[in-house]
Amino acid sequence: MEAAASTPRPGLVMLTNNVVQSNTATSGAATGNGGGLYLSNITATLSSNVIATNTAGKGKEGCGGGVYAEGGILTVHDNTVEGNVASTADRGVGGGLRFGGVTYTRTLVTLTGNRIRSNIGSAAATNTAGFRSGAGGLELWLTSGTVNGNTITGNTGATAQAAYCGGVAIHTGSNAAVNFSGNTVAANVAGPDGSAGGGLCLNGATTASGNTIRANRATTTGAGRGGGVALGLGPQGTAVGGPVTLDGNTIQSNTAGATGDGRGGGVYISRQVAPPTASP
């Protein structure tokens, strides 16, 4: 029997110094969540683990290739999250980590000192689920908390379909807020022609300060928007939450478009940051 929505179960789960590697949530024709770890409405600490080469969905869409967590109070620090894939067959979001879901409406997370690298949201050739893939490294969905001092590098939103974010996607909704500070977001790619937000997508109440956002690309082929940062509506096209503040960040050497239309090499601000239509 599930605990009441938004009420974390008592007790504390501690996962420390583990190697969670080469696991699959599902290979069948159903959604896969949490290729390596799935956490639901609990208080937990993840520390000094290696979470690598896991896959959430191999037969359909997937969320959280390495870690999927919804509800509860989560502390995640000094982990290596590397080479995970949310989906190899369809839409995929949160290649490395995905926090927040639909069953429990409140998730509180603290992420510090993690290395989130070389993860992929979707490695599928097509997307039949109706929404864009994205958030190659990390996605916070209707989640509050602090993301501080992490290194988020070399992640990809999608390899073969337009995607909405390469490194980090934060969508707070109307009742959450995130402090994103002191992170390095570098060398991430949203996706091919028609993608947006190479490094960071912020939608809703977020303060981003003192981050280094460098050498990210919205796309490697064709049209793209927001090489470094994309601000606006969520990927499903609905307004989500309060103001976004950028303060004291270094946003350098990012690229929006490749061979097609490019808008906002460093920062793209719009009421709609869903990926643009692919160039002819």
C-alpha atoms as a PDB file:
ATOM      1  CA  MET A   1       0.000   0.000   0.000  1.00  0.00           C
ATOM      2  CA  GLU A   2       1.465   3.350  -1.055  1.00  0.00           C
ATOM      3  CA  ALA A   3       1.948   6.163   1.429  1.00  0.00           C
ATOM      4  CA  ALA A   4      -0.194   9.258   1.058  1.00  0.00           C
ATOM      5  CA  ALA A   5       0.894  11.556  -1.745  1.00  0.00           C
ATOM      6  CA  SER A   6       3.577  14.065  -0.780  1.00  0.00           C
ATOM      7  CA  THR A   7       4.162  12.460   2.639  1.00  0.00           C
ATOM      8  CA  PRO A   8       7.577  10.753   2.768  1.00  0.00           C
ATOM      9  CA  ARG A   9       7.710   7.392   4.461  1.00  0.00           C
ATOM     10  CA  PRO A  10       9.576   7.482   7.783  1.00  0.00           C
ATOM     11  CA  GLY A  11      13.125   6.274   8.129  1.00  0.00           C
ATOM     12  CA  LEU A  12      16.278   6.884   6.150  1.00  0.00           C
ATOM     13  CA  VAL A  13      17.765   4.843   3.327  1.00  0.00           C
ATOM     14  CA  MET A  14      21.512   5.303   2.827  1.00  0.00           C
ATOM     15  CA  LEU A  15      23.262   4.100  -0.327  1.00  0.00           C
ATOM     16  CA  THR A  16      27.017   4.649  -0.062  1.00  0.00           C
ATOM     17  CA  ASN A  17      30.038   3.416  -2.046  1.00  0.00           C
ATOM     18  CA  ASN A  18      28.028   1.137  -4.328  1.00  0.00           C
ATOM     19  CA  VAL A  19      28.561   0.399  -8.016  1.00  0.00           C
ATOM     20  CA  VAL A  20      25.208   0.307  -9.827  1.00  0.00           C
ATOM     21  CA  GLN A  21      26.052  -0.666 -13.378  1.00  0.00           C
ATOM     22  CA  SER A  22      24.579  -2.111 -16.598  1.00  0.00           C
ATOM     23  CA  ASN A  23      21.025  -2.588 -15.314  1.00  0.00           C
ATOM     24  CA  THR A  24      17.770  -2.219 -17.285  1.00  0.00           C
ATOM     25  CA  ALA A  25      14.369  -1.180 -15.925  1.00  0.00           C
ATOM     26  CA  THR A  26      12.456  -2.831 -18.779  1.00  0.00           C
ATOM     27  CA  SER A  27      13.096  -4.370 -22.172  1.00  0.00           C
ATOM     28  CA  GLY A  28       9.404  -4.777 -22.975  1.00  0.00           C
ATOM     29  CA  ALA A  29       6.777  -2.568 -24.579  1.00  0.00           C
ATOM     30  CA  ALA A  30       6.137  -0.495 -21.452  1.00  0.00           C
ATOM     31  CA  THR A  31       7.613   2.666 -19.953  1.00  0.00           C
ATOM     32  CA  GLY A  32      10.806   2.166 -17.989  1.00  0.00           C
ATOM     33  CA  ASN A  33      11.700   4.385 -15.026  1.00  0.00           C
ATOM     34  CA  GLY A  34      15.026   4.238 -13.221  1.00  0.00           C
ATOM     35  CA  GLY A  35      17.456   2.007 -15.056  1.00  0.00           C
ATOM     36  CA  GLY A  36      19.796   1.886 -12.078  1.00  0.00           C
ATOM     37  CA  LEU A  37      17.728   3.085  -9.104  1.00  0.00           C
ATOM     38  CA  TYR A  38      14.041   3.834  -8.526  1.00  0.00           C
ATOM     39  CA  LEU A  39      13.122   5.756  -5.343  1.00  0.00           C
ATOM     40  CA  SER A  40       9.506   6.452  -4.420  1.00  0.00           C
ATOM     41  CA  ASN A  41       8.374   8.797  -1.632  1.00  0.00           C
ATOM     42  CA  ILE A  42      11.145   8.110   0.877  1.00  0.00           C
ATOM     43  CA  THR A  43      13.893   9.947   2.732  1.00  0.00           C
ATOM     44  CA  ALA A  44      17.200   8.823   1.237  1.00  0.00           C
ATOM     45  CA  THR A  45      20.880   9.700   0.911  1.00  0.00           C
ATOM     46  CA  LEU A  46      22.998   8.663  -2.080  1.00  0.00           C
ATOM     47  CA  SER A  47      26.700   9.236  -1.497  1.00  0.00           C
ATOM     48  CA  SER A  48      29.935   8.259  -3.277  1.00  0.00           C
ATOM     49  CA  ASN A  49      28.262   5.769  -5.617  1.00  0.00           C
ATOM     50  CA  VAL A  50      29.096   4.983  -9.238  1.00  0.00           C
ATOM     51  CA  ILE A  51      25.908   4.785 -11.314  1.00  0.00           C
ATOM     52  CA  ALA A  52      26.915   3.853 -14.851  1.00  0.00           C
ATOM     53  CA  THR A  53      25.681   2.416 -18.172  1.00  0.00           C
ATOM     54  CA  ASN A  54      22.125   1.727 -17.005  1.00  0.00           C
ATOM     55  CA  THR A  55      19.057   2.011 -19.258  1.00  0.00           C
ATOM     56  CA  ALA A  56      15.494   2.808 -18.205  1.00  0.00           C
ATOM     57  CA  GLY A  57      13.574   1.804 -21.345  1.00  0.00           C
ATOM     58  CA  LYS A  58      14.743  -0.535 -24.098  1.00  0.00           C
ATOM     59  CA  GLY A  59      11.346  -1.293 -25.603  1.00  0.00           C
ATOM     60  CA  LYS A  60       9.492   2.002 -25.176  1.00  0.00           C
ATOM     61  CA  GLU A  61       9.933   5.429 -23.560  1.00  0.00           C
ATOM     62  CA  GLY A  62      12.025   5.872 -20.442  1.00  0.00           C
ATOM     63  CA  CYS A  63      12.774   8.322 -17.620  1.00  0.00           C
ATOM     64  CA  GLY A  64      15.872   8.432 -15.460  1.00  0.00           C
ATOM     65  CA  GLY A  65      18.449   6.204 -17.077  1.00  0.00           C
ATOM     66  CA  GLY A  66      20.576   6.147 -13.946  1.00  0.00           C
ATOM     67  CA  VAL A  67      18.190   7.305 -11.203  1.00  0.00           C
ATOM     68  CA  TYR A  68      14.449   8.013 -11.094  1.00  0.00           C
ATOM     69  CA  ALA A  69      13.049   9.495  -7.869  1.00  0.00           C
ATOM     70  CA  GLU A  70       9.647  10.967  -7.089  1.00  0.00           C
ATOM     71  CA  GLY A  71       8.404  12.266  -3.768  1.00  0.00           C
ATOM     72  CA  GLY A  72      10.312  12.359  -0.520  1.00  0.00           C
ATOM     73  CA  ILE A  73      13.461  14.112   0.666  1.00  0.00           C
ATOM     74  CA  LEU A  74      16.637  13.205  -1.182  1.00  0.00           C
ATOM     75  CA  THR A  75      20.294  14.075  -0.596  1.00  0.00           C
ATOM     76  CA  VAL A  76      22.597  13.184  -3.474  1.00  0.00           C
ATOM     77  CA  HIS A  77      26.279  14.029  -3.170  1.00  0.00           C
ATOM     78  CA  ASP A  78      29.685  13.015  -4.518  1.00  0.00           C
ATOM     79  CA  ASN A  79      28.341  10.416  -6.954  1.00  0.00           C
ATOM     80  CA  THR A  80      29.546   9.625 -10.470  1.00  0.00           C
ATOM     81  CA  VAL A  81      26.599   9.272 -12.860  1.00  0.00           C
ATOM     82  CA  GLU A  82      27.976   8.284 -16.247  1.00  0.00           C
ATOM     83  CA  GLY A  83      26.947   6.678 -19.525  1.00  0.00           C
ATOM     84  CA  ASN A  84      23.286   6.064 -18.661  1.00  0.00           C
ATOM     85  CA  VAL A  85      20.418   6.236 -21.184  1.00  0.00           C
ATOM     86  CA  ALA A  86      16.757   6.978 -20.479  1.00  0.00           C
ATOM     87  CA  SER A  87      15.495   5.229 -23.627  1.00  0.00           C
ATOM     88  CA  THR A  88      16.961   3.420 -26.595  1.00  0.00           C
ATOM     89  CA  ALA A  89      13.584   2.861 -28.263  1.00  0.00           C
ATOM     90  CA  ASP A  90      11.424   6.000 -27.952  1.00  0.00           C
ATOM     91  CA  ARG A  91      11.124   9.250 -26.005  1.00  0.00           C
ATOM     92  CA  GLY A  92      13.633   9.564 -23.188  1.00  0.00           C
ATOM     93  CA  VAL A  93      14.098  12.225 -20.490  1.00  0.00           C
ATOM     94  CA  GLY A  94      16.647  12.493 -17.717  1.00  0.00           C
ATOM     95  CA  GLY A  95      19.420  10.347 -19.119  1.00  0.00           C
ATOM     96  CA  GLY A  96      21.437  10.509 -15.917  1.00  0.00           C
ATOM     97  CA  LEU A  97      18.930  11.494 -13.216  1.00  0.00           C
ATOM     98  CA  ARG A  98      15.248  12.389 -13.142  1.00  0.00           C
ATOM     99  CA  PHE A  99      13.637  13.864  -9.998  1.00  0.00           C
ATOM    100  CA  GLY A 100       9.868  14.341  -9.768  1.00  0.00           C
ATOM    101  CA  GLY A 101       6.955  12.398 -11.190  1.00  0.00           C
ATOM    102  CA  VAL A 102       3.182  12.266 -11.338  1.00  0.00           C
ATOM    103  CA  THR A 103       2.301   9.982  -8.402  1.00  0.00           C
ATOM    104  CA  TYR A 104       3.784  12.182  -5.666  1.00  0.00           C
ATOM    105  CA  THR A 105       3.541  15.911  -6.170  1.00  0.00           C
ATOM    106  CA  ARG A 106       6.369  17.117  -3.924  1.00  0.00           C
ATOM    107  CA  THR A 107      10.004  16.171  -4.203  1.00  0.00           C
ATOM    108  CA  LEU A 108      12.763  17.948  -2.263  1.00  0.00           C
ATOM    109  CA  VAL A 109      16.304  17.306  -3.446  1.00  0.00           C
ATOM    110  CA  THR A 110      19.825  18.475  -2.601  1.00  0.00           C
ATOM    111  CA  LEU A 111      22.504  17.660  -5.196  1.00  0.00           C
ATOM    112  CA  THR A 112      26.096  18.602  -4.389  1.00  0.00           C
ATOM    113  CA  GLY A 113      29.478  17.650  -5.767  1.00  0.00           C
ATOM    114  CA  ASN A 114      28.262  15.069  -8.282  1.00  0.00           C
ATOM    115  CA  ARG A 115      29.861  14.260 -11.629  1.00  0.00           C
ATOM    116  CA  ILE A 116      27.106  13.840 -14.221  1.00  0.00           C
ATOM    117  CA  ARG A 117      28.643  13.049 -17.585  1.00  0.00           C
ATOM    118  CA  SER A 118      28.118  11.352 -20.941  1.00  0.00           C
ATOM    119  CA  ASN A 119      24.466  10.424 -20.344  1.00  0.00           C
ATOM    120  CA  ILE A 120      21.768  10.413 -23.058  1.00  0.00           C
ATOM    121  CA  GLY A 121      18.060  11.196 -22.851  1.00  0.00           C
ATOM    122  CA  SER A 122      17.076   9.249 -25.969  1.00  0.00           C
ATOM    123  CA  ALA A 123      19.199   7.138 -28.279  1.00  0.00           C
ATOM    124  CA  ALA A 124      16.164   6.162 -30.378  1.00  0.00           C
ATOM    125  CA  ALA A 125      15.832   6.895 -34.083  1.00  0.00           C
ATOM    126  CA  THR A 126      12.210   8.050 -33.716  1.00  0.00           C
ATOM    127  CA  ASN A 127       9.856   9.420 -31.074  1.00  0.00           C
ATOM    128  CA  THR A 128       6.259   8.181 -31.054  1.00  0.00           C
ATOM    129  CA  ALA A 129       5.232   9.258 -27.552  1.00  0.00           C
ATOM    130  CA  GLY A 130       4.022  12.747 -28.490  1.00  0.00           C
ATOM    131  CA  PHE A 131       6.513  14.815 -26.456  1.00  0.00           C
ATOM    132  CA  ARG A 132      10.123  15.785 -27.018  1.00  0.00           C
ATOM    133  CA  SER A 133      13.044  13.919 -25.558  1.00  0.00           C
ATOM    134  CA  GLY A 134      15.678  15.757 -23.578  1.00  0.00           C
ATOM    135  CA  ALA A 135      17.538  16.494 -20.349  1.00  0.00           C
ATOM    136  CA  GLY A 136      20.512  14.324 -21.128  1.00  0.00           C
ATOM    137  CA  GLY A 137      22.191  14.818 -17.760  1.00  0.00           C
ATOM    138  CA  LEU A 138      19.583  15.863 -15.195  1.00  0.00           C
ATOM    139  CA  GLU A 139      15.896  16.752 -15.052  1.00  0.00           C
ATOM    140  CA  LEU A 140      14.025  18.290 -12.107  1.00  0.00           C
ATOM    141  CA  TRP A 141      10.280  18.086 -12.697  1.00  0.00           C
ATOM    142  CA  LEU A 142       7.931  19.832 -10.215  1.00  0.00           C
ATOM    143  CA  THR A 143      10.793  19.553  -7.741  1.00  0.00           C
ATOM    144  CA  SER A 144      12.236  21.958  -5.156  1.00  0.00           C
ATOM    145  CA  GLY A 145      15.773  22.049  -3.875  1.00  0.00           C
ATOM    146  CA  THR A 146      19.410  22.995  -4.267  1.00  0.00           C
ATOM    147  CA  VAL A 147      21.812  22.001  -7.030  1.00  0.00           C
ATOM    148  CA  ASN A 148      25.297  23.170  -6.072  1.00  0.00           C
ATOM    149  CA  GLY A 149      28.877  22.439  -7.082  1.00  0.00           C
ATOM    150  CA  ASN A 150      28.160  19.695  -9.617  1.00  0.00           C
ATOM    151  CA  THR A 151      30.016  19.029 -12.876  1.00  0.00           C
ATOM    152  CA  ILE A 152      27.600  18.296 -15.722  1.00  0.00           C
ATOM    153  CA  THR A 153      29.505  17.562 -18.923  1.00  0.00           C
ATOM    154  CA  GLY A 154      29.230  15.757 -22.239  1.00  0.00           C
ATOM    155  CA  ASN A 155      25.548  14.830 -21.976  1.00  0.00           C
ATOM    156  CA  THR A 156      23.138  14.609 -24.931  1.00  0.00           C
ATOM    157  CA  GLY A 157      19.394  15.218 -24.976  1.00  0.00           C
ATOM    158  CA  ALA A 158      18.783  12.980 -27.987  1.00  0.00           C
ATOM    159  CA  THR A 159      21.019  11.501 -30.644  1.00  0.00           C
ATOM    160  CA  ALA A 160      18.590  11.277 -33.578  1.00  0.00           C
ATOM    161  CA  GLN A 161      15.543  13.474 -32.810  1.00  0.00           C
ATOM    162  CA  ALA A 162      15.009  17.115 -31.875  1.00  0.00           C
ATOM    163  CA  ALA A 163      15.365  17.563 -28.116  1.00  0.00           C
ATOM    164  CA  TYR A 164      14.785  20.294 -25.536  1.00  0.00           C
ATOM    165  CA  CYS A 165      17.925  20.180 -23.393  1.00  0.00           C
ATOM    166  CA  GLY A 166      21.359  18.629 -23.369  1.00  0.00           C
ATOM    167  CA  GLY A 167      22.664  19.154 -19.843  1.00  0.00           C
ATOM    168  CA  VAL A 168      20.047  20.165 -17.254  1.00  0.00           C
ATOM    169  CA  ALA A 169      16.293  20.836 -17.476  1.00  0.00           C
ATOM    170  CA  ILE A 170      14.420  22.410 -14.536  1.00  0.00           C
ATOM    171  CA  HIS A 171      10.614  22.740 -14.623  1.00  0.00           C
ATOM    172  CA  THR A 172       9.341  23.829 -11.221  1.00  0.00           C
ATOM    173  CA  GLY A 173       5.606  24.197 -11.721  1.00  0.00           C
ATOM    174  CA  SER A 174       3.659  26.610  -9.529  1.00  0.00           C
ATOM    175  CA  ASN A 175       4.609  25.264  -6.070  1.00  0.00           C
ATOM    176  CA  ALA A 176       8.347  24.614  -6.263  1.00  0.00           C
ATOM    177  CA  ALA A 177      11.614  26.556  -6.498  1.00  0.00           C
ATOM    178  CA  VAL A 178      15.224  25.624  -7.258  1.00  0.00           C
ATOM    179  CA  ASN A 179      18.563  27.231  -6.411  1.00  0.00           C
ATOM    180  CA  PHE A 180      21.117  26.278  -9.081  1.00  0.00           C
ATOM    181  CA  SER A 181      24.544  27.619  -8.137  1.00  0.00           C
ATOM    182  CA  GLY A 182      28.258  27.044  -8.543  1.00  0.00           C
ATOM    183  CA  ASN A 183      27.888  24.301 -11.142  1.00  0.00           C
ATOM    184  CA  THR A 184      29.937  23.659 -14.271  1.00  0.00           C
ATOM    185  CA  VAL A 185      27.742  22.881 -17.289  1.00  0.00           C
ATOM    186  CA  ALA A 186      29.999  22.220 -20.270  1.00  0.00           C
ATOM    187  CA  ALA A 187      30.181  20.450 -23.638  1.00  0.00           C
ATOM    188  CA  ASN A 188      26.578  19.237 -23.600  1.00  0.00           C
ATOM    189  CA  VAL A 189      24.447  18.926 -26.762  1.00  0.00           C
ATOM    190  CA  ALA A 190      20.651  19.095 -26.933  1.00  0.00           C
ATOM    191  CA  GLY A 191      20.297  17.147 -30.180  1.00  0.00           C
ATOM    192  CA  PRO A 192      20.237  17.279 -33.967  1.00  0.00           C
ATOM    193  CA  ASP A 193      18.425  19.752 -36.234  1.00  0.00           C
ATOM    194  CA  GLY A 194      15.605  21.572 -34.414  1.00  0.00           C
ATOM    195  CA  SER A 195      16.835  21.310 -30.820  1.00  0.00           C
ATOM    196  CA  ALA A 196      16.980  23.915 -28.027  1.00  0.00           C
ATOM    197  CA  GLY A 197      18.946  24.498 -24.822  1.00  0.00           C
ATOM    198  CA  GLY A 198      22.383  22.969 -25.147  1.00  0.00           C
ATOM    199  CA  GLY A 199      23.442  23.449 -21.544  1.00  0.00           C
ATOM    200  CA  LEU A 200      20.517  24.509 -19.394  1.00  0.00           C
ATOM    201  CA  CYS A 201      16.723  24.886 -19.722  1.00  0.00           C
ATOM    202  CA  LEU A 202      14.979  26.855 -16.961  1.00  0.00           C
ATOM    203  CA  ASN A 203      11.197  26.998 -16.763  1.00  0.00           C
ATOM    204  CA  GLY A 204       9.652  28.293 -13.543  1.00  0.00           C
ATOM    205  CA  ALA A 205      10.983  29.627 -10.259  1.00  0.00           C
ATOM    206  CA  THR A 206      14.742  29.156 -10.467  1.00  0.00           C
ATOM    207  CA  THR A 207      17.722  31.219  -9.340  1.00  0.00           C
ATOM    208  CA  ALA A 208      20.889  30.378 -11.273  1.00  0.00           C
ATOM    209  CA  SER A 209      24.001  32.061  -9.876  1.00  0.00           C
ATOM    210  CA  GLY A 210      27.753  31.667 -10.112  1.00  0.00           C
ATOM    211  CA  ASN A 211      27.640  28.872 -12.676  1.00  0.00           C
ATOM    212  CA  THR A 212      30.051  28.283 -15.552  1.00  0.00           C
ATOM    213  CA  ILE A 213      28.115  27.429 -18.715  1.00  0.00           C
ATOM    214  CA  ARG A 214      30.616  26.812 -21.485  1.00  0.00           C
ATOM    215  CA  ALA A 215      30.989  25.164 -24.902  1.00  0.00           C
ATOM    216  CA  ASN A 216      27.470  23.739 -25.074  1.00  0.00           C
ATOM    217  CA  ARG A 217      25.552  23.338 -28.337  1.00  0.00           C
ATOM    218  CA  ALA A 218      21.828  23.395 -29.018  1.00  0.00           C
ATOM    219  CA  THR A 219      22.403  21.341 -32.152  1.00  0.00           C
ATOM    220  CA  THR A 220      25.152  19.755 -34.177  1.00  0.00           C
ATOM    221  CA  THR A 221      23.174  19.881 -37.454  1.00  0.00           C
ATOM    222  CA  GLY A 222      20.731  22.496 -38.744  1.00  0.00           C
ATOM    223  CA  ALA A 223      18.649  24.907 -36.642  1.00  0.00           C
ATOM    224  CA  GLY A 224      18.918  25.468 -32.911  1.00  0.00           C
ATOM    225  CA  ARG A 225      18.011  27.862 -30.092  1.00  0.00           C
ATOM    226  CA  GLY A 226      19.810  28.649 -26.875  1.00  0.00           C
ATOM    227  CA  GLY A 227      23.293  27.223 -27.136  1.00  0.00           C
ATOM    228  CA  GLY A 228      24.034  27.839 -23.472  1.00  0.00           C
ATOM    229  CA  VAL A 229      20.700  28.567 -21.777  1.00  0.00           C
ATOM    230  CA  ALA A 230      17.048  28.518 -22.877  1.00  0.00           C
ATOM    231  CA  LEU A 231      14.365  30.244 -20.780  1.00  0.00           C
ATOM    232  CA  GLY A 232      10.603  30.123 -21.259  1.00  0.00           C
ATOM    233  CA  LEU A 233       7.747  27.647 -21.265  1.00  0.00           C
ATOM    234  CA  GLY A 234       8.074  23.954 -20.568  1.00  0.00           C
ATOM    235  CA  PRO A 235       8.599  21.343 -23.264  1.00  0.00           C
ATOM    236  CA  GLN A 236       4.915  20.402 -23.284  1.00  0.00           C
ATOM    237  CA  GLY A 237       4.025  24.012 -24.149  1.00  0.00           C
ATOM    238  CA  THR A 238       2.299  25.040 -20.911  1.00  0.00           C
ATOM    239  CA  ALA A 239       3.282  27.830 -18.531  1.00  0.00           C
ATOM    240  CA  VAL A 240       5.055  26.590 -15.431  1.00  0.00           C
ATOM    241  CA  GLY A 241       5.594  28.655 -12.344  1.00  0.00           C
ATOM    242  CA  GLY A 242       7.445  31.754 -11.223  1.00  0.00           C
ATOM    243  CA  PRO A 243      10.393  33.926 -12.231  1.00  0.00           C
ATOM    244  CA  VAL A 244      13.835  32.899 -13.427  1.00  0.00           C
ATOM    245  CA  THR A 245      16.889  34.833 -12.190  1.00  0.00           C
ATOM    246  CA  LEU A 246      20.355  34.644 -13.771  1.00  0.00           C
ATOM    247  CA  ASP A 247      23.034  36.288 -11.625  1.00  0.00           C
ATOM    248  CA  GLY A 248      26.823  36.250 -11.860  1.00  0.00           C
ATOM    249  CA  ASN A 249      27.139  33.342 -14.285  1.00  0.00           C
ATOM    250  CA  THR A 250      29.878  32.872 -16.894  1.00  0.00           C
ATOM    251  CA  ILE A 251      28.176  31.958 -20.181  1.00  0.00           C
ATOM    252  CA  GLN A 252      30.906  31.457 -22.757  1.00  0.00           C
ATOM    253  CA  SER A 253      31.632  29.831 -26.142  1.00  0.00           C
ATOM    254  CA  ASN A 254      28.204  28.238 -26.594  1.00  0.00           C
ATOM    255  CA  THR A 255      26.564  27.718 -30.010  1.00  0.00           C
ATOM    256  CA  ALA A 256      22.892  27.763 -31.017  1.00  0.00           C
ATOM    257  CA  GLY A 257      22.682  26.706 -34.676  1.00  0.00           C
ATOM    258  CA  ALA A 258      24.959  24.674 -36.903  1.00  0.00           C
ATOM    259  CA  THR A 259      24.159  24.784 -40.624  1.00  0.00           C
ATOM    260  CA  GLY A 260      20.664  26.237 -40.121  1.00  0.00           C
ATOM    261  CA  ASP A 261      18.966  29.077 -38.249  1.00  0.00           C
ATOM    262  CA  GLY A 262      20.518  29.847 -34.878  1.00  0.00           C
ATOM    263  CA  ARG A 263      19.033  32.045 -32.136  1.00  0.00           C
ATOM    264  CA  GLY A 264      20.686  32.917 -28.852  1.00  0.00           C
ATOM    265  CA  GLY A 265      24.161  31.456 -28.851  1.00  0.00           C
ATOM    266  CA  GLY A 266      24.509  32.226 -25.159  1.00  0.00           C
ATOM    267  CA  VAL A 267      20.948  32.715 -23.893  1.00  0.00           C
ATOM    268  CA  TYR A 268      17.594  32.321 -25.648  1.00  0.00           C
ATOM    269  CA  ILE A 269      14.585  33.893 -23.907  1.00  0.00           C
ATOM    270  CA  SER A 270      11.066  33.305 -25.176  1.00  0.00           C
ATOM    271  CA  ARG A 271       7.578  32.433 -24.085  1.00  0.00           C
ATOM    272  CA  GLN A 272       8.156  29.115 -25.830  1.00  0.00           C
ATOM    273  CA  VAL A 273      11.345  27.094 -25.667  1.00  0.00           C
ATOM    274  CA  ALA A 274       9.995  23.900 -27.132  1.00  0.00           C
ATOM    275  CA  PRO A 275      12.406  22.996 -29.933  1.00  0.00           C
ATOM    276  CA  PRO A 276      11.975  24.923 -33.193  1.00  0.00           C
ATOM    277  CA  THR A 277      10.754  23.316 -36.372  1.00  0.00           C
ATOM    278  CA  ALA A 278      13.561  21.508 -38.134  1.00  0.00           C
ATOM    279  CA  SER A 279      15.190  23.499 -40.901  1.00  0.00           C
ATOM    280  CA  PRO A 280      14.461  22.500 -44.526  1.00  0.00           C
END
